Protein backbone atom coordinates (compact mmCIF):
# COMPACT_ATOMS: atom_id res chain seq x y z
CA MET A 1 89.04 98.83 107.14
CA SER A 2 92.05 97.05 105.74
CA ALA A 3 93.46 93.77 106.97
CA ILE A 4 96.52 95.74 108.17
CA CYS A 5 94.37 97.82 110.62
CA ILE A 6 92.19 94.81 111.67
CA TYR A 7 95.09 92.53 112.40
CA HIS A 8 97.11 94.95 114.19
CA ASN A 9 94.16 95.60 116.43
CA LYS A 10 93.36 92.09 117.16
CA LEU A 11 97.14 91.72 118.13
CA LYS A 12 96.44 94.39 120.81
CA ASN A 13 93.21 93.00 122.01
CA GLU A 14 93.81 89.04 122.25
CA ARG A 15 95.45 87.52 124.94
CA LEU A 16 96.81 84.24 125.95
CA VAL A 17 94.33 82.39 128.26
CA TRP A 18 96.15 80.31 130.66
CA GLY A 19 96.06 76.54 129.93
CA ALA A 20 94.22 77.10 126.75
CA ARG A 21 95.51 77.07 123.04
CA MET A 22 96.08 80.92 121.74
CA SER A 23 93.27 82.10 120.03
CA LEU A 24 95.45 84.44 117.51
CA LYS A 25 94.74 83.58 113.81
CA SER A 26 97.60 82.43 111.79
CA TRP A 27 98.55 83.56 108.33
CA PHE A 28 98.49 80.89 105.57
CA LEU A 29 99.21 80.83 101.91
CA VAL A 30 96.49 80.47 99.24
CA GLN A 31 97.50 79.86 95.52
CA THR A 32 95.13 81.72 93.14
CA LYS A 33 93.82 81.06 89.67
CA PRO A 34 95.56 82.95 86.85
CA ASN A 35 94.58 86.48 87.34
CA GLY A 36 92.15 85.46 89.76
CA HIS A 37 93.47 87.49 92.98
CA ARG A 38 90.65 90.04 93.00
CA LEU A 39 88.18 87.34 92.80
CA ALA A 40 89.70 85.37 95.30
CA GLU A 41 90.20 88.22 97.54
CA ARG A 42 86.62 89.41 97.22
CA ASN A 43 85.07 86.00 97.79
CA LEU A 44 87.29 85.40 100.87
CA ASN A 45 86.36 88.39 102.41
CA ARG A 46 82.63 87.61 101.94
CA GLN A 47 83.03 84.52 103.64
CA GLY A 48 84.62 86.30 106.79
CA PHE A 49 88.31 85.47 106.07
CA GLU A 50 90.95 88.13 106.60
CA THR A 51 93.30 88.48 103.49
CA PHE A 52 96.53 90.28 102.67
CA LEU A 53 97.55 90.84 99.02
CA PRO A 54 100.65 92.72 98.72
CA LEU A 55 100.91 94.76 95.51
CA GLN A 56 103.53 96.53 93.57
CA GLU A 57 103.28 99.23 90.96
CA VAL A 58 104.81 98.47 87.54
CA THR A 59 105.15 100.21 84.48
CA LYS A 60 104.01 98.61 81.04
CA ARG A 61 104.20 99.74 77.59
CA ARG A 62 101.16 99.85 75.59
CA ALA A 63 101.32 100.97 72.21
CA SER A 64 103.30 104.25 72.41
CA ARG A 65 102.60 105.18 75.90
CA PHE A 66 103.32 103.93 79.36
CA VAL A 67 100.62 102.43 81.67
CA TYR A 68 100.98 102.26 85.48
CA ASP A 69 99.50 99.15 86.94
CA LEU A 70 99.18 97.56 90.61
CA ARG A 71 100.25 93.78 90.21
CA PRO A 72 100.70 91.19 93.14
CA LEU A 73 104.00 91.08 94.74
CA PHE A 74 103.99 87.37 94.61
CA PRO A 75 102.01 86.42 91.26
CA GLY A 76 99.68 83.66 91.91
CA TYR A 77 99.65 83.92 95.65
CA MET A 78 98.18 85.72 98.67
CA PHE A 79 97.81 85.39 102.26
CA VAL A 80 94.67 84.54 104.38
CA ALA A 81 94.25 84.58 108.09
CA PHE A 82 92.19 82.01 110.22
CA ASN A 83 92.40 80.01 113.38
CA LEU A 84 93.06 76.38 112.24
CA ASP A 85 91.26 74.90 114.93
CA LYS A 86 88.09 76.91 114.67
CA ALA A 87 87.70 78.32 111.18
CA PRO A 88 86.01 76.52 108.67
CA TRP A 89 89.12 76.46 106.34
CA ARG A 90 88.25 73.67 103.98
CA LYS A 91 85.94 75.67 102.05
CA ILE A 92 88.82 77.87 100.88
CA ASN A 93 89.66 75.28 98.49
CA SER A 94 86.24 75.72 96.80
CA THR A 95 86.26 79.57 96.78
CA LEU A 96 85.76 81.24 93.58
CA GLY A 97 89.38 82.71 92.18
CA VAL A 98 91.31 80.09 94.59
CA SER A 99 93.23 77.21 93.18
CA CYS A 100 94.16 75.66 96.60
CA LEU A 101 95.24 76.53 100.15
CA VAL A 102 98.86 75.68 100.35
CA SER A 103 99.11 72.37 102.31
CA PHE A 104 101.41 69.76 103.40
CA ASN A 105 100.09 66.28 104.49
CA HIS A 106 96.67 67.73 103.82
CA THR A 107 96.96 70.30 106.52
CA PRO A 108 97.57 73.82 106.04
CA LYS A 109 101.09 75.25 106.93
CA ALA A 110 101.34 78.52 108.74
CA VAL A 111 103.49 81.41 107.12
CA PRO A 112 105.69 82.76 109.95
CA LEU A 113 103.98 85.67 111.34
CA PRO A 114 107.28 88.06 111.29
CA LEU A 115 107.34 87.56 107.51
CA VAL A 116 103.50 88.54 107.08
CA THR A 117 103.69 91.43 109.60
CA GLY A 118 107.07 92.80 108.02
CA LEU A 119 105.32 92.80 104.56
CA MET A 120 102.22 94.78 106.01
CA LEU A 121 104.32 97.19 107.81
CA ARG A 122 106.03 97.96 104.40
CA CYS A 123 102.65 98.32 102.56
CA ASP A 124 99.82 101.15 102.73
CA ARG A 125 96.24 100.49 103.76
CA GLU A 126 95.42 99.15 100.00
CA GLY A 127 98.45 96.71 100.18
CA LYS A 128 100.44 98.58 97.98
CA LEU A 129 104.23 98.04 98.69
CA LEU A 130 105.93 101.48 99.77
CA PRO A 131 109.35 102.49 98.94
CA PRO A 132 112.14 102.03 101.36
CA LYS A 133 112.40 104.92 103.84
CA THR A 134 115.98 105.61 103.75
CA LEU A 135 118.23 105.72 100.64
CA HIS A 136 121.92 106.68 100.66
CA ALA A 137 124.39 107.61 98.12
CA GLY A 138 126.16 104.59 96.64
CA ASP A 139 122.76 102.51 97.06
CA GLU A 140 121.88 100.40 93.92
CA VAL A 141 117.94 101.13 93.30
CA GLU A 142 115.74 99.94 90.41
CA LEU A 143 113.46 102.36 88.80
CA LEU A 144 109.80 101.29 89.02
CA THR A 145 107.91 103.61 86.63
CA GLY A 146 108.48 105.54 83.55
CA PRO A 147 110.62 105.02 80.48
CA PHE A 148 113.28 103.74 82.44
CA ALA A 149 111.29 101.22 84.40
CA LYS A 150 113.32 98.15 85.33
CA PHE A 151 116.70 99.99 84.79
CA VAL A 152 119.09 99.55 87.70
CA GLY A 153 121.01 102.41 88.53
CA THR A 154 123.20 103.89 91.57
CA VAL A 155 122.10 106.94 94.09
CA GLU A 156 124.38 109.69 93.39
CA ASN A 157 123.07 112.07 96.11
CA ILE A 158 120.16 113.23 97.76
CA ASP A 159 119.69 117.04 97.94
CA ALA A 160 118.04 118.91 100.86
CA ASP A 161 114.57 118.60 99.16
CA GLN A 162 114.75 115.07 98.99
CA ARG A 163 115.23 114.86 95.23
CA ILE A 164 117.29 112.06 94.40
CA TRP A 165 119.52 111.84 91.49
CA VAL A 166 120.46 108.44 90.11
CA LEU A 167 123.31 107.48 87.54
CA LEU A 168 121.97 105.26 84.81
CA GLU A 169 124.06 103.23 82.50
CA PHE A 170 122.19 104.10 79.11
CA MET A 171 123.94 103.67 75.72
CA GLY A 172 127.34 103.20 76.99
CA GLN A 173 127.32 106.44 78.91
CA GLN A 174 126.50 107.22 82.55
CA THR A 175 123.27 109.59 82.65
CA ARG A 176 122.05 111.57 85.49
CA VAL A 177 118.36 111.49 86.24
CA LYS A 178 116.23 112.98 88.77
CA VAL A 179 113.60 110.45 90.40
CA ALA A 180 110.74 110.76 93.05
CA HIS A 181 111.44 108.50 95.95
CA GLU A 182 108.48 106.47 95.49
CA HIS A 183 109.42 105.51 91.83
CA LEU A 184 112.61 103.69 93.23
CA GLN A 185 113.17 100.41 94.94
CA ARG A 186 116.27 99.28 96.55
CA SER A 187 117.94 96.68 93.98
CA ASN A 188 118.83 93.07 95.47
């Protein structure tokens, strides 16, 4: 079961006991070793820690073809949940794949819960970032995959079959391209 489902079930089941501290787990930031996010995630899960690693699909060109790959949304970092008072959190720093638990004055600082839950709601069960639900004509978008990956364009229109037509500036001209919704990301 994914961290998203587990976490949302715990949110529903845990209650605040009168006079006691809240037993709800907080989310903390872990810095991973270079390209060690999968190793860190696997080893933290083995130790009983709940992890969340948001991923995004990227297109890379290898040789003469395009390859799709899942990369961390925040390279070098992932989230881990535990109760600061009860969990043996000091062993996180010695976990394979982990560089360190992000701390201030030797104490881990919790990441705001709305930030983590907002990210979780934008991801699927495997942690892959989903495209925004709504796009409108005139929105600036970035293409995520294919030969035009990383190009920024403007949504021209969205037809009845949910096909999205994007205008791209290409070789000094505007070119109209049909793109699937899942291959677009709203540009900042």
